[in-house]
Amino acid sequence: MYKVVKSFICRACSNPVISTGHSSVDIGASAHLEVVDKFCYLGDMLSVNGDADAAVEARIRIGWNKFRQLVPLLTNRNISLIRRGRLYSSCVQSSMLHGSETWPVRKENEVALQRVEMRMVRWLCNVKVKDRVPNEELRERLGIDDIILILQQNRLRRYGHMLRKEDTDWVKKCMEYEVEVSRPTGRPKRTWREVVQKDCQARSLNREDAMDCSRWKKLIKIG
């Protein structure tokens, strides 16, 4: 017999609510929602302003937590660098990129992720900044790819899945939906679709390529 769990709280969501001081929202007689700036949903942080800053900060913290748990293995000299790199890629790097395929990242977010990864990589290789070893050489020692390239590949993989959906699918409709609102002053925030379109331009990809799943996998593959 299976035990029915009446209530479940994600460990990552133990304190997900950051209040804005605004009033709450009542839906019906029994539903009561609090208005917040950001909240945790399925391990990913969602912000009211639509950017990825909170999500990147949260995943970096989780990445460091995973890294410190695995430090005895990741820094073990009896284990080859290639094996340590595989362990890092599977457990640490993947945890930092959880949910990243939907992030509308900015350059600042990419720099933050790359800076954290190189600190971890130097720790693994026992190399300091003053040794002036190129980042590419350190990644090659571990057999890992640049976290920014993996982030781009995740976005493109997700983009291909969405393009291959039926036109009546609500996920595809949301992706192509244009919100008609008055534009505020200043530079507009980058949307996820704009980020993906830039990725496609950098790799000379188009929508027709995504219709063939096997071809799309080859085109977006790193290296």
N, C-alpha and C. Protein backbone atom coordinates (compact mmCIF):
# COMPACT_ATOMS: atom_id res chain seq x y z
N MET A 1 0.83 -1.20 0.00
CA MET A 1 0.00 0.00 0.00
C MET A 1 0.87 1.24 0.00
N TYR A 2 0.47 2.21 -0.85
CA TYR A 2 1.20 3.46 -0.92
C TYR A 2 0.58 4.46 0.06
N LYS A 3 1.44 5.20 0.71
CA LYS A 3 0.98 6.21 1.65
C LYS A 3 0.72 7.51 0.91
N VAL A 4 -0.46 8.05 1.07
CA VAL A 4 -0.84 9.28 0.40
C VAL A 4 -0.29 10.48 1.18
N VAL A 5 0.51 11.30 0.50
CA VAL A 5 1.08 12.49 1.13
C VAL A 5 0.13 13.66 0.89
N LYS A 6 -0.43 14.18 1.95
CA LYS A 6 -1.42 15.25 1.81
C LYS A 6 -0.77 16.60 1.51
N SER A 7 0.40 16.82 2.03
CA SER A 7 1.08 18.10 1.78
C SER A 7 2.55 17.84 1.52
N PHE A 8 3.12 18.55 0.56
CA PHE A 8 4.53 18.39 0.21
C PHE A 8 5.16 19.75 0.06
N ILE A 9 6.33 19.93 0.67
CA ILE A 9 7.07 21.18 0.58
C ILE A 9 8.47 20.85 0.09
N CYS A 10 8.84 21.40 -1.04
CA CYS A 10 10.17 21.18 -1.61
C CYS A 10 11.23 21.73 -0.65
N ARG A 11 12.34 20.98 -0.48
CA ARG A 11 13.39 21.45 0.41
C ARG A 11 13.98 22.77 -0.08
N ALA A 12 14.04 22.93 -1.41
CA ALA A 12 14.56 24.19 -1.95
C ALA A 12 13.57 25.32 -1.78
N CYS A 13 12.30 24.99 -1.49
CA CYS A 13 11.26 26.00 -1.36
C CYS A 13 10.87 26.23 0.11
N SER A 14 11.74 25.85 1.04
CA SER A 14 11.39 25.98 2.45
C SER A 14 11.16 27.41 2.86
N ASN A 15 11.81 28.36 2.16
CA ASN A 15 11.58 29.77 2.44
C ASN A 15 11.54 30.53 1.11
N PRO A 16 10.55 30.23 0.26
CA PRO A 16 10.57 30.75 -1.09
C PRO A 16 10.01 32.15 -1.25
N VAL A 17 9.33 32.67 -0.23
CA VAL A 17 8.55 33.89 -0.42
C VAL A 17 9.32 35.11 0.06
N ILE A 18 9.49 36.08 -0.80
CA ILE A 18 10.08 37.37 -0.44
C ILE A 18 9.03 38.43 -0.67
N SER A 19 8.49 38.98 0.39
CA SER A 19 7.33 39.85 0.28
C SER A 19 7.70 41.22 -0.26
N THR A 20 6.77 41.83 -1.00
CA THR A 20 6.96 43.17 -1.53
C THR A 20 6.30 44.22 -0.68
N GLY A 21 5.49 43.80 0.29
CA GLY A 21 4.74 44.76 1.07
C GLY A 21 3.41 45.13 0.43
N HIS A 22 3.11 44.54 -0.72
CA HIS A 22 1.86 44.81 -1.40
C HIS A 22 0.74 43.99 -0.77
N SER A 23 -0.47 44.28 -1.16
CA SER A 23 -1.63 43.55 -0.63
C SER A 23 -1.70 42.16 -1.25
N SER A 24 -2.44 41.29 -0.61
CA SER A 24 -2.61 39.93 -1.11
C SER A 24 -3.75 39.88 -2.12
N VAL A 25 -3.89 38.71 -2.74
CA VAL A 25 -4.91 38.50 -3.76
C VAL A 25 -5.80 37.36 -3.31
N ASP A 26 -7.09 37.58 -3.32
CA ASP A 26 -8.06 36.55 -2.96
C ASP A 26 -8.68 35.97 -4.21
N ILE A 27 -8.66 34.64 -4.32
CA ILE A 27 -9.28 33.95 -5.45
C ILE A 27 -10.33 33.01 -4.88
N GLY A 28 -11.55 33.38 -5.01
CA GLY A 28 -12.62 32.57 -4.46
C GLY A 28 -12.72 32.72 -2.95
N ALA A 29 -13.40 31.79 -2.33
CA ALA A 29 -13.65 31.89 -0.90
C ALA A 29 -12.50 31.31 -0.07
N SER A 30 -11.75 30.33 -0.64
CA SER A 30 -10.74 29.64 0.16
C SER A 30 -9.31 29.90 -0.28
N ALA A 31 -9.10 30.50 -1.45
CA ALA A 31 -7.74 30.71 -1.97
C ALA A 31 -7.26 32.10 -1.58
N HIS A 32 -6.07 32.16 -1.01
CA HIS A 32 -5.50 33.41 -0.55
C HIS A 32 -4.03 33.44 -0.97
N LEU A 33 -3.66 34.35 -1.88
CA LEU A 33 -2.30 34.42 -2.41
C LEU A 33 -1.63 35.70 -1.97
N GLU A 34 -0.36 35.58 -1.60
CA GLU A 34 0.42 36.74 -1.21
C GLU A 34 1.22 37.25 -2.41
N VAL A 35 1.25 38.55 -2.60
CA VAL A 35 2.00 39.16 -3.69
C VAL A 35 3.47 39.24 -3.28
N VAL A 36 4.36 38.68 -4.10
CA VAL A 36 5.78 38.64 -3.78
C VAL A 36 6.61 39.10 -4.97
N ASP A 37 7.88 39.43 -4.71
CA ASP A 37 8.81 39.81 -5.77
C ASP A 37 9.33 38.60 -6.53
N LYS A 38 9.58 37.52 -5.80
CA LYS A 38 10.13 36.31 -6.42
C LYS A 38 9.77 35.11 -5.55
N PHE A 39 9.73 33.94 -6.18
CA PHE A 39 9.43 32.73 -5.44
C PHE A 39 10.07 31.53 -6.13
N CYS A 40 10.24 30.45 -5.38
CA CYS A 40 10.87 29.24 -5.89
C CYS A 40 9.80 28.30 -6.43
N TYR A 41 9.99 27.85 -7.66
CA TYR A 41 9.05 26.91 -8.28
C TYR A 41 9.85 25.79 -8.93
N LEU A 42 9.69 24.57 -8.42
CA LEU A 42 10.38 23.40 -8.94
C LEU A 42 11.90 23.61 -8.97
N GLY A 43 12.42 24.26 -7.93
CA GLY A 43 13.86 24.47 -7.81
C GLY A 43 14.39 25.67 -8.56
N ASP A 44 13.55 26.38 -9.29
CA ASP A 44 13.98 27.56 -10.05
C ASP A 44 13.33 28.80 -9.47
N MET A 45 14.07 29.91 -9.44
CA MET A 45 13.55 31.16 -8.90
C MET A 45 12.91 31.98 -10.01
N LEU A 46 11.67 32.37 -9.81
CA LEU A 46 10.94 33.20 -10.76
C LEU A 46 10.79 34.60 -10.18
N SER A 47 11.09 35.62 -11.00
CA SER A 47 11.06 37.00 -10.54
C SER A 47 9.93 37.75 -11.23
N VAL A 48 9.41 38.75 -10.54
CA VAL A 48 8.31 39.52 -11.08
C VAL A 48 8.75 40.37 -12.27
N ASN A 49 10.03 40.76 -12.30
CA ASN A 49 10.51 41.58 -13.42
C ASN A 49 10.94 40.76 -14.63
N GLY A 50 10.90 39.44 -14.53
CA GLY A 50 11.14 38.58 -15.69
C GLY A 50 12.59 38.32 -16.02
N ASP A 51 13.55 38.81 -15.22
CA ASP A 51 14.95 38.54 -15.54
C ASP A 51 15.43 37.27 -14.86
N ALA A 52 16.70 36.93 -15.08
CA ALA A 52 17.24 35.68 -14.55
C ALA A 52 18.21 35.91 -13.40
N ASP A 53 18.28 37.12 -12.85
CA ASP A 53 19.26 37.42 -11.80
C ASP A 53 19.06 36.53 -10.57
N ALA A 54 17.81 36.46 -10.09
CA ALA A 54 17.54 35.67 -8.88
C ALA A 54 17.80 34.19 -9.13
N ALA A 55 17.44 33.70 -10.32
CA ALA A 55 17.64 32.28 -10.64
C ALA A 55 19.13 31.95 -10.69
N VAL A 56 19.93 32.81 -11.29
CA VAL A 56 21.37 32.57 -11.40
C VAL A 56 22.01 32.59 -10.02
N GLU A 57 21.64 33.55 -9.19
CA GLU A 57 22.19 33.62 -7.84
C GLU A 57 21.85 32.36 -7.04
N ALA A 58 20.61 31.90 -7.16
CA ALA A 58 20.19 30.71 -6.42
C ALA A 58 20.94 29.47 -6.90
N ARG A 59 21.10 29.32 -8.20
CA ARG A 59 21.78 28.13 -8.72
C ARG A 59 23.27 28.16 -8.39
N ILE A 60 23.87 29.35 -8.32
CA ILE A 60 25.28 29.44 -7.93
C ILE A 60 25.46 28.98 -6.49
N ARG A 61 24.55 29.39 -5.62
CA ARG A 61 24.63 28.95 -4.23
C ARG A 61 24.50 27.43 -4.13
N ILE A 62 23.56 26.88 -4.89
CA ILE A 62 23.38 25.42 -4.88
C ILE A 62 24.61 24.72 -5.46
N GLY A 63 25.20 25.31 -6.50
CA GLY A 63 26.40 24.74 -7.09
C GLY A 63 27.56 24.68 -6.10
N TRP A 64 27.74 25.77 -5.34
CA TRP A 64 28.80 25.77 -4.33
C TRP A 64 28.51 24.74 -3.24
N ASN A 65 27.27 24.59 -2.87
CA ASN A 65 26.90 23.59 -1.86
C ASN A 65 27.25 22.18 -2.34
N LYS A 66 26.91 21.87 -3.60
CA LYS A 66 27.24 20.55 -4.16
C LYS A 66 28.75 20.37 -4.25
N PHE A 67 29.44 21.43 -4.63
CA PHE A 67 30.90 21.35 -4.79
C PHE A 67 31.57 21.03 -3.46
N ARG A 68 31.14 21.73 -2.41
CA ARG A 68 31.76 21.51 -1.09
C ARG A 68 31.44 20.11 -0.55
N GLN A 69 30.29 19.58 -0.89
CA GLN A 69 29.98 18.22 -0.48
C GLN A 69 30.91 17.20 -1.14
N LEU A 70 31.35 17.52 -2.37
CA LEU A 70 32.17 16.58 -3.14
C LEU A 70 33.66 16.92 -3.11
N VAL A 71 34.06 17.89 -2.32
CA VAL A 71 35.47 18.30 -2.28
C VAL A 71 36.41 17.13 -1.99
N PRO A 72 36.10 16.23 -1.06
CA PRO A 72 37.04 15.11 -0.82
C PRO A 72 37.31 14.27 -2.07
N LEU A 73 36.33 14.14 -2.95
CA LEU A 73 36.53 13.37 -4.18
C LEU A 73 37.12 14.24 -5.28
N LEU A 74 36.63 15.46 -5.40
CA LEU A 74 37.07 16.34 -6.48
C LEU A 74 38.52 16.76 -6.35
N THR A 75 39.05 16.73 -5.14
CA THR A 75 40.44 17.14 -4.93
C THR A 75 41.35 15.96 -4.59
N ASN A 76 40.84 14.75 -4.76
CA ASN A 76 41.62 13.55 -4.44
C ASN A 76 42.68 13.34 -5.53
N ARG A 77 43.94 13.35 -5.15
CA ARG A 77 45.02 13.20 -6.13
C ARG A 77 45.09 11.79 -6.71
N ASN A 78 44.47 10.82 -6.02
CA ASN A 78 44.48 9.45 -6.53
C ASN A 78 43.46 9.23 -7.65
N ILE A 79 42.62 10.21 -7.89
CA ILE A 79 41.63 10.16 -8.97
C ILE A 79 42.11 11.06 -10.10
N SER A 80 42.06 10.56 -11.31
CA SER A 80 42.55 11.34 -12.45
C SER A 80 41.71 12.60 -12.66
N LEU A 81 42.31 13.58 -13.31
CA LEU A 81 41.60 14.83 -13.56
C LEU A 81 40.39 14.61 -14.46
N ILE A 82 40.49 13.69 -15.40
CA ILE A 82 39.37 13.42 -16.31
C ILE A 82 38.18 12.88 -15.53
N ARG A 83 38.43 11.96 -14.61
CA ARG A 83 37.33 11.42 -13.80
C ARG A 83 36.75 12.47 -12.87
N ARG A 84 37.61 13.30 -12.32
CA ARG A 84 37.12 14.39 -11.48
C ARG A 84 36.30 15.37 -12.30
N GLY A 85 36.73 15.60 -13.55
CA GLY A 85 35.97 16.49 -14.42
C GLY A 85 34.60 15.93 -14.75
N ARG A 86 34.51 14.61 -14.94
CA ARG A 86 33.21 13.99 -15.20
C ARG A 86 32.29 14.10 -13.99
N LEU A 87 32.87 13.91 -12.81
CA LEU A 87 32.09 14.03 -11.59
C LEU A 87 31.60 15.46 -11.41
N TYR A 88 32.49 16.42 -11.66
CA TYR A 88 32.10 17.83 -11.56
C TYR A 88 31.00 18.17 -12.55
N SER A 89 31.14 17.71 -13.79
CA SER A 89 30.15 18.01 -14.82
C SER A 89 28.79 17.40 -14.49
N SER A 90 28.79 16.18 -13.96
CA SER A 90 27.53 15.48 -13.68
C SER A 90 26.80 16.03 -12.46
N CYS A 91 27.55 16.40 -11.43
CA CYS A 91 26.93 16.76 -10.15
C CYS A 91 26.89 18.27 -9.88
N VAL A 92 27.96 18.96 -10.19
CA VAL A 92 28.06 20.39 -9.85
C VAL A 92 27.57 21.27 -10.99
N GLN A 93 28.14 21.07 -12.17
CA GLN A 93 27.78 21.90 -13.31
C GLN A 93 26.31 21.75 -13.67
N SER A 94 25.81 20.51 -13.62
CA SER A 94 24.41 20.28 -13.94
C SER A 94 23.48 20.94 -12.93
N SER A 95 23.88 20.97 -11.65
CA SER A 95 23.04 21.61 -10.64
C SER A 95 23.00 23.12 -10.82
N MET A 96 24.10 23.71 -11.30
CA MET A 96 24.11 25.15 -11.54
C MET A 96 23.28 25.54 -12.76
N LEU A 97 23.06 24.60 -13.68
CA LEU A 97 22.33 24.89 -14.90
C LEU A 97 20.91 24.34 -14.89
N HIS A 98 20.43 23.91 -13.72
CA HIS A 98 19.06 23.41 -13.64
C HIS A 98 18.06 24.50 -14.00
N GLY A 99 17.22 24.23 -14.99
CA GLY A 99 16.24 25.21 -15.43
C GLY A 99 16.79 26.32 -16.30
N SER A 100 18.07 26.22 -16.68
CA SER A 100 18.71 27.32 -17.42
C SER A 100 18.19 27.48 -18.84
N GLU A 101 17.53 26.44 -19.38
CA GLU A 101 17.06 26.54 -20.77
C GLU A 101 15.98 27.59 -20.94
N THR A 102 15.41 28.09 -19.85
CA THR A 102 14.35 29.11 -19.94
C THR A 102 14.79 30.46 -19.40
N TRP A 103 16.08 30.62 -19.09
CA TRP A 103 16.56 31.90 -18.54
C TRP A 103 16.78 32.93 -19.64
N PRO A 104 16.24 34.14 -19.49
CA PRO A 104 16.60 35.24 -20.41
C PRO A 104 17.88 35.92 -19.92
N VAL A 105 19.00 35.23 -20.06
CA VAL A 105 20.25 35.68 -19.44
C VAL A 105 20.80 36.94 -20.09
N ARG A 106 21.49 37.72 -19.28
CA ARG A 106 22.23 38.88 -19.75
C ARG A 106 23.72 38.57 -19.64
N LYS A 107 24.54 39.46 -20.18
CA LYS A 107 25.98 39.25 -20.15
C LYS A 107 26.48 39.15 -18.71
N GLU A 108 25.89 39.94 -17.81
CA GLU A 108 26.31 39.90 -16.41
C GLU A 108 26.06 38.52 -15.79
N ASN A 109 24.95 37.88 -16.17
CA ASN A 109 24.66 36.54 -15.65
C ASN A 109 25.68 35.52 -16.15
N GLU A 110 26.04 35.62 -17.42
CA GLU A 110 27.01 34.69 -17.99
C GLU A 110 28.38 34.87 -17.34
N VAL A 111 28.76 36.13 -17.09
CA VAL A 111 30.05 36.39 -16.45
C VAL A 111 30.08 35.82 -15.03
N ALA A 112 28.96 35.95 -14.31
CA ALA A 112 28.89 35.42 -12.95
C ALA A 112 29.04 33.90 -12.95
N LEU A 113 28.36 33.21 -13.86
CA LEU A 113 28.47 31.76 -13.93
C LEU A 113 29.88 31.32 -14.32
N GLN A 114 30.45 32.02 -15.27
CA GLN A 114 31.79 31.65 -15.74
C GLN A 114 32.84 31.90 -14.67
N ARG A 115 32.69 32.99 -13.92
CA ARG A 115 33.65 33.30 -12.87
C ARG A 115 33.62 32.24 -11.77
N VAL A 116 32.40 31.82 -11.39
CA VAL A 116 32.27 30.79 -10.36
C VAL A 116 32.86 29.47 -10.84
N GLU A 117 32.57 29.11 -12.08
CA GLU A 117 33.09 27.84 -12.57
C GLU A 117 34.61 27.81 -12.60
N MET A 118 35.24 28.92 -13.01
CA MET A 118 36.69 28.92 -13.08
C MET A 118 37.31 28.87 -11.69
N ARG A 119 36.66 29.41 -10.69
CA ARG A 119 37.16 29.25 -9.32
C ARG A 119 37.14 27.78 -8.92
N MET A 120 36.07 27.08 -9.27
CA MET A 120 35.98 25.66 -8.96
C MET A 120 37.01 24.86 -9.77
N VAL A 121 37.18 25.21 -11.04
CA VAL A 121 38.12 24.48 -11.89
C VAL A 121 39.55 24.64 -11.39
N ARG A 122 39.92 25.84 -10.98
CA ARG A 122 41.27 26.05 -10.44
C ARG A 122 41.47 25.26 -9.15
N TRP A 123 40.42 25.19 -8.34
CA TRP A 123 40.49 24.40 -7.11
C TRP A 123 40.72 22.93 -7.45
N LEU A 124 40.02 22.43 -8.45
CA LEU A 124 40.18 21.03 -8.85
C LEU A 124 41.59 20.74 -9.36
N CYS A 125 42.13 21.68 -10.14
CA CYS A 125 43.44 21.48 -10.76
C CYS A 125 44.58 21.95 -9.87
N ASN A 126 44.25 22.49 -8.68
CA ASN A 126 45.26 23.01 -7.76
C ASN A 126 46.13 24.08 -8.44
N VAL A 127 45.45 24.99 -9.14
CA VAL A 127 46.11 26.08 -9.86
C VAL A 127 45.57 27.40 -9.36
N LYS A 128 46.45 28.36 -9.12
CA LYS A 128 46.05 29.67 -8.65
C LYS A 128 46.03 30.67 -9.81
N VAL A 129 45.38 31.79 -9.58
CA VAL A 129 45.27 32.81 -10.63
C VAL A 129 46.65 33.32 -11.03
N LYS A 130 47.53 33.47 -10.05
CA LYS A 130 48.86 34.02 -10.33
C LYS A 130 49.71 33.09 -11.18
N ASP A 131 49.28 31.80 -11.31
CA ASP A 131 50.01 30.88 -12.18
C ASP A 131 49.78 31.17 -13.65
N ARG A 132 48.74 31.95 -13.93
CA ARG A 132 48.44 32.40 -15.30
C ARG A 132 48.30 31.24 -16.30
N VAL A 133 47.58 30.23 -15.89
CA VAL A 133 47.26 29.12 -16.80
C VAL A 133 45.95 29.46 -17.52
N PRO A 134 45.90 29.40 -18.85
CA PRO A 134 44.67 29.76 -19.58
C PRO A 134 43.48 28.89 -19.17
N ASN A 135 42.29 29.50 -19.18
CA ASN A 135 41.08 28.76 -18.82
C ASN A 135 40.84 27.57 -19.73
N GLU A 136 41.13 27.75 -21.02
CA GLU A 136 40.91 26.66 -21.97
C GLU A 136 41.78 25.45 -21.63
N GLU A 137 43.00 25.70 -21.19
CA GLU A 137 43.89 24.59 -20.84
C GLU A 137 43.39 23.84 -19.61
N LEU A 138 42.87 24.59 -18.63
CA LEU A 138 42.34 23.95 -17.43
C LEU A 138 41.12 23.10 -17.75
N ARG A 139 40.22 23.61 -18.60
CA ARG A 139 39.05 22.82 -18.99
C ARG A 139 39.48 21.58 -19.76
N GLU A 140 40.51 21.72 -20.58
CA GLU A 140 40.98 20.57 -21.35
C GLU A 140 41.56 19.50 -20.43
N ARG A 141 42.21 19.90 -19.37
CA ARG A 141 42.74 18.92 -18.41
C ARG A 141 41.62 18.10 -17.78
N LEU A 142 40.50 18.77 -17.51
CA LEU A 142 39.37 18.09 -16.88
C LEU A 142 38.43 17.45 -17.88
N GLY A 143 38.56 17.81 -19.15
CA GLY A 143 37.68 17.26 -20.18
C GLY A 143 36.26 17.79 -20.10
N ILE A 144 36.11 19.07 -19.72
CA ILE A 144 34.78 19.67 -19.60
C ILE A 144 34.64 20.81 -20.60
N ASP A 145 33.41 21.19 -20.89
CA ASP A 145 33.12 22.29 -21.80
C ASP A 145 32.81 23.55 -21.01
N ASP A 146 32.94 24.67 -21.69
CA ASP A 146 32.62 25.97 -21.08
C ASP A 146 31.15 25.99 -20.68
N ILE A 147 30.88 26.45 -19.47
CA ILE A 147 29.51 26.45 -18.95
C ILE A 147 28.60 27.33 -19.80
N ILE A 148 29.15 28.36 -20.44
CA ILE A 148 28.33 29.24 -21.28
C ILE A 148 27.91 28.52 -22.55
N LEU A 149 28.79 27.70 -23.11
CA LEU A 149 28.43 26.93 -24.30
C LEU A 149 27.36 25.89 -23.97
N ILE A 150 27.47 25.27 -22.80
CA ILE A 150 26.46 24.30 -22.39
C ILE A 150 25.13 25.01 -22.15
N LEU A 151 25.17 26.20 -21.56
CA LEU A 151 23.96 26.99 -21.35
C LEU A 151 23.29 27.31 -22.68
N GLN A 152 24.08 27.68 -23.68
CA GLN A 152 23.54 27.97 -25.00
C GLN A 152 22.94 26.73 -25.64
N GLN A 153 23.62 25.61 -25.49
CA GLN A 153 23.10 24.36 -26.06
C GLN A 153 21.78 23.96 -25.41
N ASN A 154 21.65 24.17 -24.10
CA ASN A 154 20.39 23.87 -23.41
C ASN A 154 19.25 24.72 -23.95
N ARG A 155 19.53 26.00 -24.18
CA ARG A 155 18.49 26.89 -24.72
C ARG A 155 18.06 26.44 -26.11
N LEU A 156 19.02 26.12 -26.95
CA LEU A 156 18.71 25.72 -28.32
C LEU A 156 17.97 24.38 -28.36
N ARG A 157 18.32 23.48 -27.45
CA ARG A 157 17.60 22.20 -27.40
C ARG A 157 16.14 22.44 -27.04
N ARG A 158 15.92 23.29 -26.05
CA ARG A 158 14.55 23.63 -25.64
C ARG A 158 13.81 24.35 -26.77
N TYR A 159 14.49 25.23 -27.46
CA TYR A 159 13.89 25.97 -28.56
C TYR A 159 13.44 25.02 -29.67
N GLY A 160 14.26 24.02 -29.96
CA GLY A 160 13.89 23.04 -30.97
C GLY A 160 12.66 22.25 -30.56
N HIS A 161 12.57 21.86 -29.29
CA HIS A 161 11.38 21.14 -28.81
C HIS A 161 10.12 21.98 -29.00
N MET A 162 10.22 23.26 -28.70
CA MET A 162 9.05 24.13 -28.79
C MET A 162 8.64 24.38 -30.23
N LEU A 163 9.61 24.51 -31.14
CA LEU A 163 9.27 24.73 -32.54
C LEU A 163 8.60 23.51 -33.16
N ARG A 164 8.94 22.32 -32.68
CA ARG A 164 8.36 21.10 -33.24
C ARG A 164 6.98 20.78 -32.67
N LYS A 165 6.51 21.56 -31.73
CA LYS A 165 5.17 21.35 -31.17
C LYS A 165 4.10 21.79 -32.18
N GLU A 166 2.89 21.32 -31.97
CA GLU A 166 1.77 21.74 -32.82
C GLU A 166 1.49 23.23 -32.61
N ASP A 167 0.97 23.86 -33.66
CA ASP A 167 0.66 25.28 -33.57
C ASP A 167 -0.42 25.57 -32.52
N THR A 168 -1.21 24.58 -32.19
CA THR A 168 -2.27 24.78 -31.20
C THR A 168 -1.77 24.58 -29.77
N ASP A 169 -0.53 24.13 -29.61
CA ASP A 169 0.02 23.89 -28.27
C ASP A 169 0.19 25.23 -27.55
N TRP A 170 -0.23 25.28 -26.28
CA TRP A 170 -0.21 26.55 -25.55
C TRP A 170 1.21 27.01 -25.24
N VAL A 171 2.16 26.07 -25.13
CA VAL A 171 3.55 26.46 -24.88
C VAL A 171 4.10 27.22 -26.08
N LYS A 172 3.83 26.73 -27.27
CA LYS A 172 4.30 27.40 -28.48
C LYS A 172 3.59 28.74 -28.67
N LYS A 173 2.31 28.79 -28.32
CA LYS A 173 1.59 30.05 -28.42
C LYS A 173 2.18 31.10 -27.47
N CYS A 174 2.55 30.67 -26.26
CA CYS A 174 3.14 31.61 -25.30
C CYS A 174 4.48 32.13 -25.80
N MET A 175 5.26 31.28 -26.46
CA MET A 175 6.56 31.70 -26.96
C MET A 175 6.43 32.78 -28.03
N GLU A 176 5.41 32.64 -28.87
CA GLU A 176 5.25 33.57 -29.99
C GLU A 176 4.25 34.69 -29.70
N TYR A 177 3.75 34.73 -28.47
CA TYR A 177 2.76 35.74 -28.12
C TYR A 177 3.41 37.11 -27.95
N GLU A 178 2.80 38.12 -28.55
CA GLU A 178 3.29 39.49 -28.45
C GLU A 178 2.39 40.27 -27.49
N VAL A 179 2.98 40.80 -26.43
CA VAL A 179 2.23 41.57 -25.45
C VAL A 179 2.17 43.02 -25.91
N GLU A 180 0.95 43.53 -26.08
CA GLU A 180 0.77 44.89 -26.55
C GLU A 180 0.61 45.83 -25.35
N VAL A 181 1.72 46.41 -24.96
CA VAL A 181 1.73 47.37 -23.85
C VAL A 181 2.59 48.55 -24.25
N SER A 182 2.40 49.65 -23.56
CA SER A 182 3.22 50.83 -23.82
C SER A 182 4.62 50.58 -23.27
N ARG A 183 5.60 50.84 -24.08
CA ARG A 183 6.98 50.59 -23.69
C ARG A 183 7.48 51.67 -22.74
N PRO A 184 8.06 51.27 -21.59
CA PRO A 184 8.58 52.27 -20.66
C PRO A 184 9.85 52.91 -21.19
N THR A 185 10.27 53.98 -20.55
CA THR A 185 11.49 54.66 -20.96
C THR A 185 12.70 53.80 -20.61
N GLY A 186 13.76 53.99 -21.36
CA GLY A 186 14.97 53.22 -21.13
C GLY A 186 15.05 51.99 -22.01
N ARG A 187 16.16 51.28 -21.86
CA ARG A 187 16.39 50.10 -22.66
C ARG A 187 15.49 48.95 -22.21
N PRO A 188 14.77 48.30 -23.11
CA PRO A 188 13.88 47.19 -22.71
C PRO A 188 14.68 45.97 -22.27
N LYS A 189 14.07 45.15 -21.40
CA LYS A 189 14.72 43.93 -20.95
C LYS A 189 14.75 42.90 -22.07
N ARG A 190 15.81 42.11 -22.08
CA ARG A 190 15.92 41.05 -23.08
C ARG A 190 14.96 39.92 -22.74
N THR A 191 14.28 39.45 -23.74
CA THR A 191 13.38 38.32 -23.56
C THR A 191 14.11 37.02 -23.93
N TRP A 192 13.50 35.90 -23.52
CA TRP A 192 14.11 34.62 -23.82
C TRP A 192 14.19 34.38 -25.33
N ARG A 193 13.16 34.80 -26.03
CA ARG A 193 13.15 34.59 -27.48
C ARG A 193 14.26 35.39 -28.17
N GLU A 194 14.53 36.58 -27.68
CA GLU A 194 15.62 37.38 -28.24
C GLU A 194 16.97 36.72 -27.99
N VAL A 195 17.13 36.12 -26.81
CA VAL A 195 18.39 35.44 -26.49
C VAL A 195 18.58 34.24 -27.41
N VAL A 196 17.51 33.47 -27.64
CA VAL A 196 17.61 32.29 -28.50
C VAL A 196 17.86 32.70 -29.95
N GLN A 197 17.22 33.75 -30.41
CA GLN A 197 17.44 34.22 -31.78
C GLN A 197 18.89 34.65 -31.98
N LYS A 198 19.47 35.23 -30.95
CA LYS A 198 20.89 35.61 -31.03
C LYS A 198 21.77 34.37 -31.10
N ASP A 199 21.40 33.32 -30.34
CA ASP A 199 22.14 32.06 -30.41
C ASP A 199 22.07 31.46 -31.81
N CYS A 200 20.89 31.52 -32.42
CA CYS A 200 20.72 30.97 -33.77
C CYS A 200 21.55 31.76 -34.79
N GLN A 201 21.60 33.06 -34.64
CA GLN A 201 22.41 33.88 -35.55
C GLN A 201 23.89 33.56 -35.40
N ALA A 202 24.33 33.33 -34.17
CA ALA A 202 25.75 33.03 -33.94
C ALA A 202 26.15 31.70 -34.58
N ARG A 203 25.19 30.75 -34.66
CA ARG A 203 25.49 29.44 -35.23
C ARG A 203 24.89 29.23 -36.62
N SER A 204 24.33 30.31 -37.18
CA SER A 204 23.74 30.26 -38.53
C SER A 204 22.66 29.19 -38.61
N LEU A 205 21.74 29.19 -37.65
CA LEU A 205 20.63 28.25 -37.62
C LEU A 205 19.33 28.94 -37.98
N ASN A 206 18.36 28.17 -38.44
CA ASN A 206 17.05 28.72 -38.75
C ASN A 206 15.97 27.76 -38.26
N ARG A 207 14.72 28.20 -38.35
CA ARG A 207 13.59 27.41 -37.84
C ARG A 207 13.43 26.10 -38.59
N GLU A 208 13.75 26.09 -39.88
CA GLU A 208 13.59 24.87 -40.67
C GLU A 208 14.52 23.76 -40.18
N ASP A 209 15.71 24.14 -39.70
CA ASP A 209 16.65 23.14 -39.19
C ASP A 209 16.08 22.42 -37.97
N ALA A 210 15.31 23.13 -37.15
CA ALA A 210 14.78 22.54 -35.92
C ALA A 210 13.69 21.51 -36.18
N MET A 211 13.10 21.51 -37.37
CA MET A 211 12.03 20.57 -37.66
C MET A 211 12.54 19.12 -37.74
N ASP A 212 13.83 18.96 -38.05
CA ASP A 212 14.46 17.63 -38.08
C ASP A 212 15.21 17.46 -36.77
N CYS A 213 14.69 16.61 -35.89
CA CYS A 213 15.25 16.47 -34.54
C CYS A 213 16.70 16.00 -34.57
N SER A 214 17.00 14.96 -35.34
CA SER A 214 18.36 14.43 -35.38
C SER A 214 19.34 15.44 -35.95
N ARG A 215 18.91 16.18 -36.98
CA ARG A 215 19.79 17.20 -37.58
C ARG A 215 20.03 18.34 -36.58
N TRP A 216 18.97 18.71 -35.86
CA TRP A 216 19.10 19.80 -34.88
C TRP A 216 20.07 19.43 -33.77
N LYS A 217 20.05 18.19 -33.31
CA LYS A 217 20.98 17.75 -32.27
C LYS A 217 22.42 17.87 -32.73
N LYS A 218 22.67 17.53 -33.98
CA LYS A 218 24.03 17.64 -34.50
C LYS A 218 24.46 19.09 -34.64
N LEU A 219 23.54 19.96 -35.03
CA LEU A 219 23.90 21.35 -35.26
C LEU A 219 24.19 22.09 -33.96
N ILE A 220 23.49 21.74 -32.89
CA ILE A 220 23.67 22.47 -31.64
C ILE A 220 24.72 21.81 -30.74
N LYS A 221 25.27 20.68 -31.16
CA LYS A 221 26.25 19.98 -30.34
C LYS A 221 27.51 20.81 -30.21
N ILE A 222 28.05 20.84 -28.99
CA ILE A 222 29.27 21.61 -28.73
C ILE A 222 30.45 20.93 -29.40
N GLY A 223 31.24 21.74 -30.10
CA GLY A 223 32.42 21.21 -30.78
C GLY A 223 32.10 20.51 -32.07
